C-alpha atoms as a PDB file:
ATOM      1  CA  MET A   1     -11.149 -12.835 -21.206  1.00  0.00           C
ATOM      2  CA  MET A   2     -10.290  -9.130 -21.175  1.00  0.00           C
ATOM      3  CA  THR A   3     -12.482  -8.431 -18.153  1.00  0.00           C
ATOM      4  CA  GLU A   4     -10.587 -11.036 -16.127  1.00  0.00           C
ATOM      5  CA  LEU A   5      -7.336  -9.326 -17.056  1.00  0.00           C
ATOM      6  CA  ASP A   6      -8.753  -5.931 -16.099  1.00  0.00           C
ATOM      7  CA  GLN A   7      -9.960  -7.358 -12.778  1.00  0.00           C
ATOM      8  CA  ALA A   8      -6.541  -8.898 -12.076  1.00  0.00           C
ATOM      9  CA  LEU A   9      -4.762  -5.640 -12.872  1.00  0.00           C
ATOM     10  CA  ALA A  10      -7.163  -3.720 -10.627  1.00  0.00           C
ATOM     11  CA  GLU A  11      -6.494  -6.150  -7.777  1.00  0.00           C
ATOM     12  CA  ILE A  12      -2.732  -5.841  -8.260  1.00  0.00           C
ATOM     13  CA  THR A  13      -3.038  -2.052  -8.199  1.00  0.00           C
ATOM     14  CA  ALA A  14      -5.078  -2.224  -4.980  1.00  0.00           C
ATOM     15  CA  ILE A  15      -2.514  -4.530  -3.349  1.00  0.00           C
ATOM     16  CA  ARG A  16       0.361  -2.222  -4.328  1.00  0.00           C
ATOM     17  CA  ALA A  17      -1.477   0.792  -2.938  1.00  0.00           C
ATOM     18  CA  GLN A  18      -2.113  -1.000   0.362  1.00  0.00           C
ATOM     19  CA  ILE A  19       1.545  -2.001   0.670  1.00  0.00           C
ATOM     20  CA  ALA A  20       2.647   1.571  -0.073  1.00  0.00           C
ATOM     21  CA  ARG A  21       0.317   2.949   2.634  1.00  0.00           C
ATOM     22  CA  SER A  22       1.508   0.487   5.269  1.00  0.00           C
ATOM     23  CA  ALA A  23       5.190   1.031   4.432  1.00  0.00           C
ATOM     24  CA  HIS A  24       5.039   4.837   4.667  1.00  0.00           C
ATOM     25  CA  PHE A  25       7.581   6.148   7.203  1.00  0.00           C
ATOM     26  CA  ARG A  26       6.169   8.983   9.285  1.00  0.00           C
ATOM     27  CA  GLY A  27       9.409   9.884  11.056  1.00  0.00           C
ATOM     28  CA  TYR A  28      10.339  10.006  14.691  1.00  0.00           C
ATOM     29  CA  GLY A  29       8.606  12.342  17.096  1.00  0.00           C
ATOM     30  CA  PRO A  30      10.325  15.210  18.908  1.00  0.00           C
ATOM     31  CA  ALA A  31      10.453  13.343  22.231  1.00  0.00           C
ATOM     32  CA  THR A  32      12.201  10.380  20.623  1.00  0.00           C
ATOM     33  CA  LEU A  33      14.761  12.619  18.928  1.00  0.00           C
ATOM     34  CA  ALA A  34      15.389  14.542  22.156  1.00  0.00           C
ATOM     35  CA  ALA A  35      15.833  11.348  24.188  1.00  0.00           C
ATOM     36  CA  THR A  36      18.234   9.891  21.632  1.00  0.00           C
ATOM     37  CA  GLY A  37      20.258  13.125  21.605  1.00  0.00           C
ATOM     38  CA  GLY A  38      20.334  13.212  25.417  1.00  0.00           C
ATOM     39  CA  LEU A  39      21.611   9.642  25.601  1.00  0.00           C
ATOM     40  CA  ALA A  40      24.263  10.418  23.009  1.00  0.00           C
ATOM     41  CA  LEU A  41      25.418  13.421  25.063  1.00  0.00           C
ATOM     42  CA  LEU A  42      25.620  11.271  28.207  1.00  0.00           C
ATOM     43  CA  ALA A  43      27.637   8.652  26.341  1.00  0.00           C
ATOM     44  CA  ALA A  44      29.960  11.361  25.001  1.00  0.00           C
ATOM     45  CA  ALA A  45      30.460  12.732  28.531  1.00  0.00           C
ATOM     46  CA  ALA A  46      31.198   9.223  29.825  1.00  0.00           C
ATOM     47  CA  GLN A  47      33.672   8.743  27.003  1.00  0.00           C
ATOM     48  CA  ALA A  48      35.450  11.999  27.861  1.00  0.00           C
ATOM     49  CA  VAL A  49      35.780  10.957  31.518  1.00  0.00           C
ATOM     50  CA  TRP A  50      36.564   7.245  31.241  1.00  0.00           C
ATOM     51  CA  LEU A  51      38.143   7.017  27.782  1.00  0.00           C
ATOM     52  CA  PRO A  52      40.280  10.100  27.147  1.00  0.00           C
ATOM     53  CA  ASP A  53      42.192   8.117  24.472  1.00  0.00           C
ATOM     54  CA  PRO A  54      39.629   5.975  22.622  1.00  0.00           C
ATOM     55  CA  ALA A  55      42.274   4.785  20.152  1.00  0.00           C
ATOM     56  CA  GLY A  56      44.159   3.247  23.079  1.00  0.00           C
ATOM     57  CA  ASP A  57      41.191   1.110  24.145  1.00  0.00           C
ATOM     58  CA  VAL A  58      39.113   0.486  21.057  1.00  0.00           C
ATOM     59  CA  MET A  59      37.092  -2.361  22.594  1.00  0.00           C
ATOM     60  CA  ALA A  60      35.919  -0.176  25.513  1.00  0.00           C
ATOM     61  CA  TYR A  61      35.039   2.590  23.046  1.00  0.00           C
ATOM     62  CA  ILE A  62      32.976   0.225  20.901  1.00  0.00           C
ATOM     63  CA  ALA A  63      31.322  -1.313  23.984  1.00  0.00           C
ATOM     64  CA  LEU A  64      30.317   2.136  25.261  1.00  0.00           C
ATOM     65  CA  TRP A  65      28.605   3.124  22.021  1.00  0.00           C
ATOM     66  CA  ILE A  66      26.970  -0.258  21.494  1.00  0.00           C
ATOM     67  CA  ALA A  67      25.630  -0.167  25.051  1.00  0.00           C
ATOM     68  CA  THR A  68      24.154   3.303  24.518  1.00  0.00           C
ATOM     69  CA  PRO A  69      20.443   2.610  23.987  1.00  0.00           C
ATOM     70  CA  ARG A  70      18.604   3.978  21.034  1.00  0.00           C
ATOM     71  CA  CYS A  71      15.089   5.321  21.542  1.00  0.00           C
ATOM     72  CA  HIS A  72      13.034   4.017  18.645  1.00  0.00           C
ATOM     73  CA  ARG A  73       9.297   3.736  18.521  1.00  0.00           C
ATOM     74  CA  ARG A  74       7.433   2.049  15.739  1.00  0.00           C
END
């Protein structure tokens, strides 16, 4: 009976280790960070030109930042 318990615990440990390895976040690469920053700068420039008073047109402000794409790679 004890060997079955030991086997089950070993299998659970192996499953947990596999899940931990597959869920490890390795971060975004430099190109992805640079592209995201560049798009944010373009959106900020567009906001300065077309929305000098964002509080006056909140919906346009929100639409601009929602429409700004995010560069994510998985």
